[in-house]
Protein backbone atom coordinates (compact mmCIF):
# COMPACT_ATOMS: atom_id res chain seq x y z
CA MET A 1 9.96 -11.76 15.88
CA GLY A 2 8.57 -9.97 13.01
CA LYS A 3 8.85 -5.77 12.48
CA SER A 4 7.16 -3.38 13.22
CA VAL A 5 5.40 -0.91 11.07
CA TYR A 6 7.93 1.56 12.84
CA GLU A 7 10.82 -0.52 11.50
CA SER A 8 9.62 -1.77 7.87
CA THR A 9 8.24 1.80 7.25
CA GLU A 10 11.45 3.75 7.01
CA LYS A 11 12.06 3.53 3.70
CA TYR A 12 7.66 3.96 2.77
CA PRO A 13 6.80 7.02 4.49
CA PHE A 14 2.92 6.32 2.85
CA TRP A 15 2.37 3.11 5.08
CA LYS A 16 3.73 5.27 8.30
CA MET A 17 0.69 7.86 7.81
CA THR A 18 -2.03 5.06 6.62
CA TYR A 19 -1.17 3.01 10.19
CA ASP A 20 -1.25 6.49 12.28
CA ASN A 21 -4.42 8.55 10.35
CA LYS A 22 -7.33 4.88 11.39
CA LYS A 23 -8.81 6.95 9.22
CA ALA A 24 -7.02 6.89 5.99
CA ILE A 25 -6.56 4.48 3.36
CA TYR A 26 -2.97 2.85 1.33
CA ALA A 27 -3.78 2.38 -2.43
CA CYS A 28 -0.85 1.19 -4.17
CA LEU A 29 -0.74 0.76 -8.71
CA ASN A 30 2.58 -1.67 -9.81
CA TYR A 31 3.31 -3.85 -12.05
CA GLY A 32 4.68 -7.09 -9.87
CA GLU A 33 4.78 -5.83 -7.18
CA ALA A 34 1.38 -4.17 -4.92
CA PHE A 35 2.18 -5.33 -1.45
CA CYS A 36 1.20 -3.01 2.15
CA PRO A 37 2.43 -4.44 5.81
CA GLU A 38 0.18 -6.58 6.79
CA LYS A 39 -1.16 -4.02 10.42
CA ILE A 40 -2.39 -2.25 7.31
CA ASN A 41 -3.71 -4.72 4.57
CA GLY A 42 -7.01 -3.58 5.90
CA ARG A 43 -6.88 -0.30 4.87
CA SER A 44 -5.21 -0.64 2.10
CA ILE A 45 -5.98 -0.83 -1.92
CA CYS A 46 -3.33 -3.14 -3.55
CA ILE A 47 -3.28 -3.64 -7.51
CA ASP A 48 -0.94 -5.67 -8.96
CA GLY A 49 -0.86 -5.06 -13.45
CA ASP A 50 1.10 -1.84 -15.15
CA ILE A 51 -1.20 1.63 -14.89
CA GLY A 52 -2.27 2.04 -17.88
CA GLU A 53 -3.55 -1.48 -18.88
CA VAL A 54 -5.58 -0.09 -15.54
CA LEU A 55 -6.75 3.17 -16.65
CA ALA A 56 -7.80 2.17 -19.67
CA LYS A 57 -9.36 -0.21 -18.74
CA LEU A 58 -11.45 2.31 -15.90
CA LYS A 59 -12.44 4.51 -18.53
């Protein structure tokens, strides 16, 4: 079966913190690699894009 959130978050402490704190929201802005574990998907914002371009569009 799949890994637990603790096993999959060994390298990603923000995923674990989001999982542990039910009020937390995980945000990721990363070109070509914006994702999160399924267990926190409902409390995550993942944007696949260049940070410079995304921020320029927010102005």
